[in-house]
Amino acid sequence: MVERKTYFLTHIILWILIPLILFPVVWVVSTSIRRDEAAFSTKIFSSRISLQNYKDLLAPEKNMPALVQELQNLIMLTPPYDTWDRGRVEREIEKDISNLKSYIDETKSRYDKAEKGYRDLNNYLALKTNEIKNNIYLQLEALKKYLEENLPKKGEESNLSIKLSELKILKERINNLNYKISQNREEYNKVLVKIDALQREILEINNKINALNNEITFLNNKLDQYSLVSYKKASSLDRVFSSLIDRLSKYLDFDLLLQNIRSLSRKIKYFTSDSKYLYFQASFLKVSENLNNLIDQLDAKVSELNAYNRKVAILNQENEFLEMQKELLQNQEENIKEEVRPLTKVDQLKEFISSLDAKLDKLQTVDGLDALINEVSVWEGEFRDFVTSYIIEYGRDNLSSRIENTADKFKWFNDYKTLKDRFENLSSYLTKNLQKANELTSIIESRWRSFFEKSLQGDKTYLPELDSLYNLIKTDFVNFVSANMNIVSKKAGDLMDNVPFKETKRWLNVIDSELFRIDQIWKQKTKHYFLKWVRNSIVVSGIAAIITTLICSLAAYPFSRMRFWGRRYGILTLLLIQMFPSAVYMIAIYSLLNILGRFIPFLGLDTLSGLTFVYLGNIAYNMYLIKGYYDTIPDSLEESAMIDGATRFQTFYKIVLPLARPILTVVVILTFMSIFNEFIFARIILQDAQKYTYAIGLWTFSSGPYQTEWGLFTAAALLGMLPMTILFLSLQKYIVSGLTKGAVKG
């Protein structure tokens, strides 16, 4: 008897891994069918589902903006319509005008349905006013009862009053300290201003003193011109020199001046003529007098500067002491606040409970749906504001969570009020736009022939009514209608999940779906070439895969069956070359295609054939793969065939290839998939948007004009999987048949 084992751990791991692995796929699928473009919503699945993204990719609709632009081009006979015959152009114009009128009629019809759904919804809720009021009353009563039952114990009143008085005293002391600190800072800044002014004055005096050095230098040079033959033991200038040297030595900025004065004091003792001595004495005394005056000024300024510096130091010390006192008081304040916080929590909750009592009293006086909606719509914000401040002060707890839950139940009142206000605005603006669009379409229908005749004669002019209609779509509709319509549609989707009455969902769904269709009719959509991009990728990948498989199957055969010099290391050399990353040689390939394009245009840049040529370079790896499979096929099969008269090519074609069908199929699939998803070379080589491959096209959906349209991006990603999936499923039987082909019994 076989014992069955239950692998609990394996099952648990699988249950954990499967959702993680499948989540990206589920996200892509759900996002591709969402109407709200909420790619990062907390809700994976939305109630607002549509296949519009797939329609836009596979069968783009010519809506109002596209028709207006096409009509203008048709009437003016711009390319490619200039090559059409007259009858074809006229039929196309009449068809577009008819489509315009049908779109306007459809808009009116769908708006009527949406308006009827809105009226039915409003009437239904009006009938349910008393029930809604009772539900609100019960919710408020339940919240009030819960808060009262779970109200924290307040503690002793005397302890709270003492702590609050201490807190008040601390705040006063901190305010006094802040005032003193600010006063000190003002005084400090004033002293700094005075110090700055004194430093500038001292610098100016220093410059004047240094300027007198030129005169001292002149006297020194003058003395050097005379022969000094006698020495005067005593001079009346000695005291002057000594005084100047002593006074200047106190400062470090006058070294050069001191050297010149000392030199002059030594030289002036030697003279041959007393008359010249008297001349130099008079000159020097004049200079020394100026120097003494400047030094007196300098001493006074330096003394004043030192006094201010001492004052700055004192102010700094006082500020540091005051800041320390302030920090200590603030720490005491924080400690008291921590002690008081649980005591004040009760007071805040009691104030909130009192507000609930006021709301209950107000609710009794409210009459009618509109008054009820206006009253209750603001409660959600009030509740959430209280919860936010409560969490900041005391942290999240069961009380705050209960208040939040009640606020969530009141959210639909605010959503409905927004929907109601916006729908009224939408009705007014949309009616005006439809009326104006009808008038312009009628004028276009009556006047287009005259402008078309002028275009046939070479006088191409715009039909002004078409420009007016286009401006109506691009400006008036977008600014006034679309803005309100998108909000109404979103709020309708939100209300489907929030309104407590299931009966309202059908009317909300009508409003949402009808307005969404109106938006699609009037919305300006960016043009894309998705089907061309997929077709380009299929063509390039298919041709490259077939050619690669054909070449590799032929090239691998000699390496497997024949013996020649270089056979062993030749394929390894090719593999080694293939191992270099594509980024290394992409510039060389770009240059190669640029040169080839001059002589062989269809192999140049911005061509699909040139891109296919580049993809044929992935041969070495596939050849090695096929060669390994050839080695598993017995040589005896070919030898038997050759004995029977078959040539080498016949054995290869009729024996080896059928048996190698599995590996050839694998090479086709792998090559197709790698080329289909390749991005780098396609991005470098292709420039024309219509020649893009699927990989570049998918990139434009995420980083170009579609960068915020996640629905289109995910839908394109899913559709891009189809060619590879179809290829694999269609070739799967060849893999199996090839593996079993040639199997014999025994």
Foldseek 3Di string as FASTA:
>chain_A
DDDDDDDPVVVVVCVVVVCVVCVVVLLLVQCLFAPLLCSPDPDSHFPRGHNVLVCCQPPNDCFDLNLLVVLQCLLLVDPPSVPDDPVVSVVSNVVSLVRLVVLLVLLVVLVVLLVVLVVVLQVVVQVCVVVVLVVLLVLLVVLLVVCVVPQDDQDDPVVLVVLVVVLVVLVVVLVVLVVVLVVLVVVLVVLVVVLVVLVVVLVVLLVVLVVLLVVLVVLLVVLVVDDFDDFAPDDPCPVLLVVLLVLPVVDDSCPSSNVSSVSNVVSLRTDDDVVVSVVSVVSVVVSSVVNVVSSVVNVVSVVVSVVSVVVSVVSVVVSVVSVVVSVVSVVVSVVSCVVNLSNCLSVLSVVVSVVSVVVSVVSVVQDTDVSVLVSLLCVLVVLVVSLVVSCVRPNDDPSSVSSNVSSLLSNLSVLVVLLVVLSVQLVVLVVVLSVLSVVLSVVCVVPSVVSSVCSVVVNHDGDVSSVVNSCCLVPSCVPRNVVSLSSNLVSLSVCCVRPPDVVSNVSSVSNNVSSSVSCSNRPDDDDAQLVLQAVLLCVLLQVLLVVLLVVLLVVLVCLQPPDDPPSVCVLVVLVVVVPDDPVVCLVVLLVVQCVVCVVPVCLHFQHSNVVSVVLNSPRSVLSVQLNVVLNVDDPVQVVVVVVVPDDPVCCSVPPVCLLSQLSSLVSSLVSSVCSLQDDDNQVVRHDDSSNHHLNVSLVCCCPNPNVSSSNSSSSSVVVSVVVSVVSCVVCVVSNVCSNCPPDDDD
